[in-house]
Protein backbone atom coordinates (compact mmCIF):
# COMPACT_ATOMS: atom_id res chain seq x y z
CA UNK A 1 -185.04 -85.35 24.79
CA UNK A 2 -188.59 -86.16 25.77
CA UNK A 3 -191.36 -88.49 24.73
CA UNK A 4 -193.48 -85.54 23.57
CA UNK A 5 -190.83 -84.55 20.99
CA UNK A 6 -190.23 -87.97 19.51
CA UNK A 7 -189.53 -91.55 20.49
CA UNK A 8 -189.20 -92.26 24.19
CA UNK A 9 -185.53 -92.08 25.24
CA UNK A 10 -183.75 -95.30 26.07
CA UNK A 11 -182.63 -95.10 29.66
CA UNK A 12 -180.07 -97.13 31.59
CA UNK A 13 -179.68 -97.35 35.36
CA UNK A 14 -176.13 -98.09 36.50
CA UNK A 15 -175.61 -99.29 40.06
CA UNK A 16 -171.89 -99.38 40.94
CA UNK A 17 -171.06 -102.03 43.52
CA UNK A 18 -167.42 -102.99 43.76
CA UNK A 19 -166.26 -105.40 46.44
CA UNK A 20 -163.27 -104.95 48.70
CA UNK A 21 -164.47 -102.08 50.88
CA UNK A 22 -162.10 -101.58 53.81
CA UNK A 23 -164.28 -99.41 56.06
CA UNK A 24 -167.27 -101.77 55.96
CA UNK A 25 -166.43 -105.25 54.63
CA UNK A 26 -168.87 -106.38 51.92
CA UNK A 27 -170.50 -102.99 52.27
CA UNK A 28 -172.83 -103.34 49.31
CA UNK A 29 -174.22 -106.61 50.68
CA UNK A 30 -175.07 -105.15 54.08
CA UNK A 31 -178.73 -105.28 55.10
CA UNK A 32 -180.63 -102.03 55.48
CA UNK A 33 -184.38 -102.14 55.96
CA UNK A 34 -184.41 -105.89 55.40
CA UNK A 35 -182.64 -105.87 52.02
CA UNK A 36 -179.08 -105.56 50.82
CA UNK A 37 -177.86 -102.18 49.64
CA UNK A 38 -177.62 -103.62 46.12
CA UNK A 39 -181.18 -104.96 46.22
CA UNK A 40 -182.50 -101.71 47.63
CA UNK A 41 -181.00 -99.65 44.79
CA UNK A 42 -182.28 -102.12 42.20
CA UNK A 43 -185.77 -102.08 43.68
CA UNK A 44 -186.04 -98.31 43.60
CA UNK A 45 -184.81 -98.24 40.00
CA UNK A 46 -187.40 -100.84 39.02
CA UNK A 47 -190.22 -99.05 40.82
CA UNK A 48 -189.59 -95.83 38.90
CA UNK A 49 -190.69 -97.53 35.69
CA UNK A 50 -188.17 -95.38 33.81
CA UNK A 51 -185.39 -97.72 32.78
CA UNK A 52 -185.07 -100.07 29.84
CA UNK A 53 -182.10 -101.71 31.55
CA UNK A 54 -180.94 -101.81 35.16
CA UNK A 55 -177.34 -102.98 35.41
CA UNK A 56 -175.07 -103.58 38.39
CA UNK A 57 -171.39 -102.93 37.71
CA UNK A 58 -169.34 -105.16 39.99
CA UNK A 59 -166.15 -107.18 40.15
CA UNK A 60 -167.72 -109.80 42.43
CA UNK A 61 -169.58 -112.92 41.20
CA UNK A 62 -171.48 -112.96 44.51
CA UNK A 63 -172.59 -109.35 44.05
CA UNK A 64 -173.59 -110.17 40.47
CA UNK A 65 -175.79 -113.01 41.71
CA UNK A 66 -177.40 -110.68 44.25
CA UNK A 67 -178.07 -108.17 41.48
CA UNK A 68 -179.79 -110.82 39.38
CA UNK A 69 -181.88 -112.00 42.33
CA UNK A 70 -183.04 -108.42 42.79
CA UNK A 71 -184.07 -108.13 39.14
CA UNK A 72 -181.08 -106.36 37.57
CA UNK A 73 -178.60 -107.41 34.93
CA UNK A 74 -174.96 -108.18 35.64
CA UNK A 75 -173.86 -109.52 32.25
CA UNK A 76 -170.14 -108.94 32.78
CA UNK A 77 -167.74 -108.34 35.65
CA UNK A 78 -165.79 -105.15 36.14
CA UNK A 79 -162.03 -105.62 35.49
CA UNK A 80 -159.82 -105.65 38.58
CA UNK A 81 -158.09 -102.41 37.58
CA UNK A 82 -161.48 -100.65 37.74
CA UNK A 83 -162.39 -102.09 41.13
CA UNK A 84 -159.51 -101.25 43.47
CA UNK A 85 -159.39 -98.67 46.24
CA UNK A 86 -158.27 -96.02 43.74
CA UNK A 87 -160.85 -96.92 41.12
CA UNK A 88 -162.86 -94.01 39.75
CA UNK A 89 -166.56 -94.50 39.13
CA UNK A 90 -166.29 -92.60 35.83
CA UNK A 91 -164.08 -95.38 34.47
CA UNK A 92 -166.61 -97.99 35.59
CA UNK A 93 -169.34 -96.06 33.77
CA UNK A 94 -167.27 -95.97 30.57
CA UNK A 95 -166.69 -99.70 30.89
CA UNK A 96 -170.44 -100.33 31.14
CA UNK A 97 -171.29 -98.10 28.18
CA UNK A 98 -168.50 -99.57 26.05
CA UNK A 99 -169.49 -103.17 26.82
CA UNK A 100 -173.13 -102.47 26.03
CA UNK A 101 -172.27 -100.57 22.86
CA UNK A 102 -170.12 -103.49 21.70
CA UNK A 103 -173.19 -105.68 22.12
CA UNK A 104 -175.27 -103.28 20.03
CA UNK A 105 -177.09 -101.77 23.00
CA UNK A 106 -177.19 -97.98 22.89
CA UNK A 107 -178.84 -95.61 25.37
CA UNK A 108 -179.78 -91.95 25.36
CA UNK A 109 -179.39 -91.37 29.09
CA UNK A 110 -178.07 -93.16 32.13
CA UNK A 111 -178.75 -92.66 35.81
CA UNK A 112 -176.15 -93.54 38.44
CA UNK A 113 -177.59 -94.84 41.71
CA UNK A 114 -174.99 -95.44 44.40
CA UNK A 115 -176.07 -98.29 46.72
CA UNK A 116 -174.29 -96.59 49.62
CA UNK A 117 -176.83 -93.73 49.54
CA UNK A 118 -179.89 -95.80 50.49
CA UNK A 119 -182.33 -93.04 51.48
CA UNK A 120 -183.32 -92.29 47.87
CA UNK A 121 -186.93 -92.57 46.81
CA UNK A 122 -188.71 -93.35 43.57
CA UNK A 123 -189.85 -89.71 43.40
CA UNK A 124 -186.28 -88.40 43.73
CA UNK A 125 -185.01 -90.57 40.87
CA UNK A 126 -187.91 -89.57 38.65
CA UNK A 127 -187.34 -85.88 39.37
CA UNK A 128 -183.61 -86.05 38.62
CA UNK A 129 -184.12 -87.95 35.36
CA UNK A 130 -186.85 -85.54 34.24
CA UNK A 131 -184.54 -82.61 34.95
CA UNK A 132 -181.72 -84.10 32.88
CA UNK A 133 -184.09 -84.66 29.99
CA UNK A 134 -185.59 -81.16 30.11
CA UNK A 135 -184.74 -78.73 27.33
CA UNK A 136 -181.57 -76.76 28.03
CA UNK A 137 -179.99 -79.32 30.36
CA UNK A 138 -177.88 -82.39 29.76
CA UNK A 139 -177.42 -83.64 33.33
CA UNK A 140 -178.93 -83.42 36.78
CA UNK A 141 -178.06 -84.60 40.26
CA UNK A 142 -179.61 -84.85 43.71
CA UNK A 143 -177.91 -82.53 46.20
CA UNK A 144 -178.33 -81.79 49.90
CA UNK A 145 -177.83 -78.47 51.71
CA UNK A 146 -174.59 -78.06 53.66
CA UNK A 147 -175.33 -76.92 57.24
CA UNK A 148 -174.24 -73.32 57.74
CA UNK A 149 -171.81 -74.28 60.53
CA UNK A 150 -169.96 -76.46 57.97
CA UNK A 151 -169.91 -73.82 55.23
CA UNK A 152 -166.65 -73.71 53.22
CA UNK A 153 -165.96 -70.17 54.43
CA UNK A 154 -165.91 -71.50 58.00
CA UNK A 155 -163.72 -74.52 57.34
CA UNK A 156 -160.07 -74.84 58.35
CA UNK A 157 -157.11 -76.95 57.33
CA UNK A 158 -154.51 -78.04 59.89
CA UNK A 159 -150.90 -78.76 58.96
CA UNK A 160 -148.56 -81.38 60.43
CA UNK A 161 -147.50 -78.99 63.21
CA UNK A 162 -151.05 -78.24 64.24
CA UNK A 163 -151.28 -74.77 62.68
CA UNK A 164 -154.69 -73.92 61.31
CA UNK A 165 -155.64 -71.68 58.44
CA UNK A 166 -158.78 -71.03 56.50
CA UNK A 167 -159.59 -73.60 53.84
CA UNK A 168 -160.89 -70.82 51.59
CA UNK A 169 -158.14 -68.22 51.70
CA UNK A 170 -160.48 -65.45 50.53
CA UNK A 171 -162.45 -65.79 53.77
CA UNK A 172 -160.59 -63.00 55.54
CA UNK A 173 -163.18 -62.44 58.22
CA UNK A 174 -165.86 -64.33 60.07
CA UNK A 175 -169.13 -63.99 58.22
CA UNK A 176 -172.52 -64.02 59.91
CA UNK A 177 -174.66 -67.02 59.08
CA UNK A 178 -177.20 -64.78 57.38
CA UNK A 179 -174.53 -63.56 54.93
CA UNK A 180 -173.42 -66.99 53.79
CA UNK A 181 -174.39 -68.10 50.30
CA UNK A 182 -176.03 -71.53 50.62
CA UNK A 183 -173.85 -74.41 49.47
CA UNK A 184 -174.74 -77.99 48.60
CA UNK A 185 -173.15 -81.42 48.31
CA UNK A 186 -174.11 -84.17 45.90
CA UNK A 187 -175.62 -86.96 47.99
CA UNK A 188 -175.29 -90.02 45.75
CA UNK A 189 -179.04 -90.64 45.55
CA UNK A 190 -179.16 -90.07 41.80
CA UNK A 191 -177.15 -88.59 38.97
CA UNK A 192 -178.57 -88.54 35.45
CA UNK A 193 -176.79 -87.53 32.27
CA UNK A 194 -177.37 -87.82 28.58
CA UNK A 195 -174.91 -90.30 27.11
CA UNK A 196 -173.58 -87.95 24.36
CA UNK A 197 -172.78 -85.33 27.01
CA UNK A 198 -170.92 -87.91 29.09
CA UNK A 199 -168.97 -89.10 26.07
CA UNK A 200 -168.06 -85.51 25.23
CA UNK A 201 -167.05 -84.32 28.69
CA UNK A 202 -166.09 -87.50 30.53
CA UNK A 203 -167.93 -86.16 33.57
CA UNK A 204 -171.29 -86.88 35.14
CA UNK A 205 -171.91 -83.15 35.41
CA UNK A 206 -172.07 -82.77 31.63
CA UNK A 207 -171.90 -79.21 30.33
CA UNK A 208 -175.07 -77.96 31.98
CA UNK A 209 -176.17 -79.82 35.11
CA UNK A 210 -179.23 -78.99 37.16
CA UNK A 211 -179.19 -79.48 40.93
CA UNK A 212 -182.27 -81.01 42.51
CA UNK A 213 -182.24 -79.99 46.17
CA UNK A 214 -183.33 -82.78 48.51
CA UNK A 215 -184.41 -81.68 51.96
CA UNK A 216 -184.87 -85.14 53.46
CA UNK A 217 -182.00 -86.66 55.50
CA UNK A 218 -179.27 -88.50 53.64
CA UNK A 219 -176.36 -90.70 54.54
CA UNK A 220 -173.45 -91.91 52.44
CA UNK A 221 -172.17 -95.13 53.96
CA UNK A 222 -168.40 -95.21 54.41
CA UNK A 223 -168.07 -96.39 58.03
CA UNK A 224 -169.87 -98.77 60.42
CA UNK A 225 -171.33 -95.69 62.11
CA UNK A 226 -172.80 -94.52 58.79
CA UNK A 227 -174.35 -97.95 58.32
CA UNK A 228 -175.99 -97.83 61.73
CA UNK A 229 -177.28 -94.32 61.03
CA UNK A 230 -178.86 -95.53 57.78
CA UNK A 231 -180.50 -98.45 59.57
CA UNK A 232 -181.85 -96.17 62.28
CA UNK A 233 -183.24 -93.63 59.81
CA UNK A 234 -184.86 -96.28 57.64
CA UNK A 235 -186.28 -98.02 60.69
CA UNK A 236 -187.78 -94.79 62.03
CA UNK A 237 -189.06 -93.06 58.92
CA UNK A 238 -190.81 -93.42 55.57
CA UNK A 239 -187.74 -94.15 53.46
CA UNK A 240 -189.07 -96.94 51.28
């Protein structure tokens, strides 16, 4: 799916922003670098020049108004059953695609930009989208390296009585850092997937997902401490 092989693909940016966060109240409206997390995600999506539509999926009229001020669409609110503490973002994505399809608006690919991962850049989003559209792939995601001291083979679980055991039971011995296979975690900066692959699998990983390794710092905001870290990083570095 590329412009060189036919018509340019229709692309949708989805920015999920439910209200009701317990760890950081009104988390998606918090200011980072002088703009709300919602506005920051919308701005980056706009600056890529990639998307035919940028849509914020939210259950909050106030968040919807913020999305519109930032230049995104928020044509409908997310139902309450898709916005609670146990809500799954995959269901919110399906809701967006179904609502748009019912209005006669079809897309070839969507990108998911989580507002709570505010250290993304225009270049990162462009790279992830290009990877998902490359021949042989149907999805891509931004990932960050896991520090070797936090490698799964070094992790433990602790039961109610305080007993510890290895999280990965196959890890029968301590492995030197040099022997560890590098591992990665998706960082929320950008996921991109072709819509048919999402419809088929129901997952943002599709059937063949490419990882785009991001070496710059990242933070996923779940706590007040995470929020302060994001503010400090953005205040100190080139994270526009």
